[in-house]
Amino acid sequence: MFQDVKAPGETFSPVFSDPSRKLLWDSAQYMRKHGHVKHMLVGPEGQVCVNGALMMVIGTTNSDLIHNAIQTLVNYLSISSCTTGAHKLIETSHVSWNNAPERTENEVIEALEGAALS
C-alpha cells in the first residue's frame, strides 16, 4: 500500500494496492455517511454494521474479498477469528466486537480505517 501525496489542506485519500484494504477503507466511509448499527446488517434508516458496510460496498455476501477484509480487521483488532457458515459472515468475533454495548460508531470507523492502513 502507498499513499498519494496531497497539497496542504487537501483531503486525505489513500491509494491501495490490496483490494481488501480498499474495501475496508470504503466501508468505513460508507458507515461514516450512513451511520452505525448493531445486531443487524442494515438498519431501518440505512445504518450498517461492519458486515453490512462490507456487503453494501461490494454488493454481495459471498466473496473472498470480504473474507480477506474481515481477516485483516480481526488481525488489526487482535481478536480471534471464528468464521462459520457458507458465506463466512455468521456470528464471528468481529461481529461480537461490533455489537458490544460499549462500542461506538467512531470506534468502528476508526478500526476499519486503521485496518485498511495497517
Protein backbone atom coordinates (compact mmCIF):
# COMPACT_ATOMS: atom_id res chain seq x y z
CA MET A 1 0.00 0.00 0.00
CA PHE A 2 1.12 3.54 -0.65
CA GLN A 3 -0.44 6.95 -0.16
CA ASP A 4 -0.78 9.62 -2.76
CA VAL A 5 0.78 12.98 -1.92
CA LYS A 6 -1.65 15.79 -1.18
CA ALA A 7 -1.16 19.52 -1.04
CA PRO A 8 -1.68 21.15 2.37
CA GLY A 9 -5.38 21.30 3.20
CA GLU A 10 -6.44 18.60 0.72
CA THR A 11 -8.49 15.66 2.00
CA PHE A 12 -6.56 12.50 2.79
CA SER A 13 -7.19 9.91 0.10
CA PRO A 14 -5.14 6.73 0.35
CA VAL A 15 -4.38 4.56 -2.65
CA PHE A 16 -4.34 0.81 -2.04
CA SER A 17 -2.62 -1.99 -3.90
CA ASP A 18 -4.55 -4.57 -1.82
CA PRO A 19 -8.27 -4.66 -2.78
CA SER A 20 -9.32 -5.94 0.66
CA ARG A 21 -7.75 -2.89 2.32
CA LYS A 22 -9.54 -0.61 -0.15
CA LEU A 23 -12.77 -2.41 0.75
CA LEU A 24 -12.14 -1.72 4.44
CA TRP A 25 -11.46 1.95 3.74
CA ASP A 26 -14.53 2.32 1.52
CA SER A 27 -16.66 0.52 4.11
CA ALA A 28 -15.54 2.99 6.77
CA GLN A 29 -16.55 5.88 4.51
CA TYR A 30 -19.91 4.19 3.82
CA MET A 31 -20.53 3.84 7.56
CA ARG A 32 -19.45 7.43 8.14
CA LYS A 33 -22.12 8.55 5.65
CA HIS A 34 -24.96 6.16 6.61
CA GLY A 35 -24.34 5.51 10.32
CA HIS A 36 -23.59 2.50 12.50
CA VAL A 37 -25.99 -0.20 13.72
CA LYS A 38 -25.69 -3.23 15.99
CA HIS A 39 -27.36 -6.66 15.79
CA MET A 40 -28.42 -6.29 12.13
CA LEU A 41 -26.70 -5.85 8.77
CA VAL A 42 -28.64 -2.77 7.70
CA GLY A 43 -30.84 -0.65 9.93
CA PRO A 44 -34.17 0.94 9.05
CA GLU A 45 -32.52 4.21 8.04
CA GLY A 46 -29.61 2.61 6.15
CA GLN A 47 -27.17 2.35 9.07
CA VAL A 48 -24.76 -0.59 8.80
CA CYS A 49 -22.71 -2.88 10.96
CA VAL A 50 -19.22 -3.97 9.88
CA ASN A 51 -20.56 -6.80 7.71
CA GLY A 52 -23.34 -4.61 6.35
CA ALA A 53 -20.85 -1.95 5.30
CA LEU A 54 -18.61 -4.50 3.57
CA MET A 55 -21.58 -6.00 1.74
CA MET A 56 -23.09 -2.67 0.70
CA VAL A 57 -19.76 -1.54 -0.77
CA ILE A 58 -19.05 -4.73 -2.68
CA GLY A 59 -22.65 -5.70 -3.45
CA THR A 60 -22.50 -9.35 -2.35
CA THR A 61 -22.13 -11.57 0.72
CA ASN A 62 -20.24 -14.40 -0.95
CA SER A 63 -16.80 -13.05 -1.61
CA ASP A 64 -13.22 -13.99 -0.83
CA LEU A 65 -12.55 -10.25 -0.84
CA ILE A 66 -14.91 -9.78 2.11
CA HIS A 67 -13.33 -12.74 3.92
CA ASN A 68 -9.84 -11.26 3.38
CA ALA A 69 -11.01 -7.84 4.60
CA ILE A 70 -12.53 -9.40 7.73
CA GLN A 71 -9.30 -11.30 8.40
CA THR A 72 -7.32 -8.05 8.08
CA LEU A 73 -9.73 -6.37 10.52
CA VAL A 74 -9.57 -9.14 13.14
CA ASN A 75 -5.78 -9.16 12.88
CA TYR A 76 -5.72 -5.38 13.35
CA LEU A 77 -8.03 -5.65 16.37
CA SER A 78 -6.02 -8.61 17.76
CA ILE A 79 -9.17 -10.65 18.27
CA SER A 80 -9.58 -14.31 17.40
CA SER A 81 -11.12 -15.20 14.06
CA CYS A 82 -14.02 -17.62 14.19
CA THR A 83 -15.57 -17.89 10.73
CA THR A 84 -18.55 -20.15 10.20
CA GLY A 85 -21.21 -20.66 7.57
CA ALA A 86 -21.14 -20.86 3.79
CA HIS A 87 -20.51 -17.14 3.38
CA LYS A 88 -18.19 -16.81 6.39
CA LEU A 89 -20.32 -13.98 7.79
CA ILE A 90 -22.31 -15.76 10.51
CA GLU A 91 -21.59 -14.79 14.15
CA THR A 92 -17.85 -14.24 14.41
CA SER A 93 -15.54 -12.40 16.74
CA HIS A 94 -15.67 -9.15 14.77
CA VAL A 95 -19.49 -9.26 14.90
CA SER A 96 -19.36 -9.59 18.68
CA TRP A 97 -16.85 -6.73 18.76
CA ASN A 98 -19.16 -4.56 16.60
CA ASN A 99 -22.19 -5.42 18.77
CA ALA A 100 -20.56 -4.82 22.16
CA PRO A 101 -22.77 -2.44 24.19
CA GLU A 102 -19.90 -0.01 24.73
CA ARG A 103 -18.84 0.05 21.05
CA THR A 104 -19.28 3.44 19.37
CA GLU A 105 -19.66 4.35 15.73
CA ASN A 106 -16.37 6.26 15.83
CA GLU A 107 -14.53 3.23 17.20
CA VAL A 108 -15.84 1.03 14.40
CA ILE A 109 -14.99 3.57 11.70
CA GLU A 110 -11.51 4.11 13.16
CA ALA A 111 -10.95 0.33 13.27
CA LEU A 112 -11.97 -0.09 9.62
CA GLU A 113 -9.69 2.77 8.58
CA GLY A 114 -6.86 1.60 10.82
CA ALA A 115 -7.05 -1.93 9.44
CA ALA A 116 -7.07 -0.55 5.90
CA LEU A 117 -3.93 1.45 6.56
CA SER A 118 -2.12 -1.20 8.63
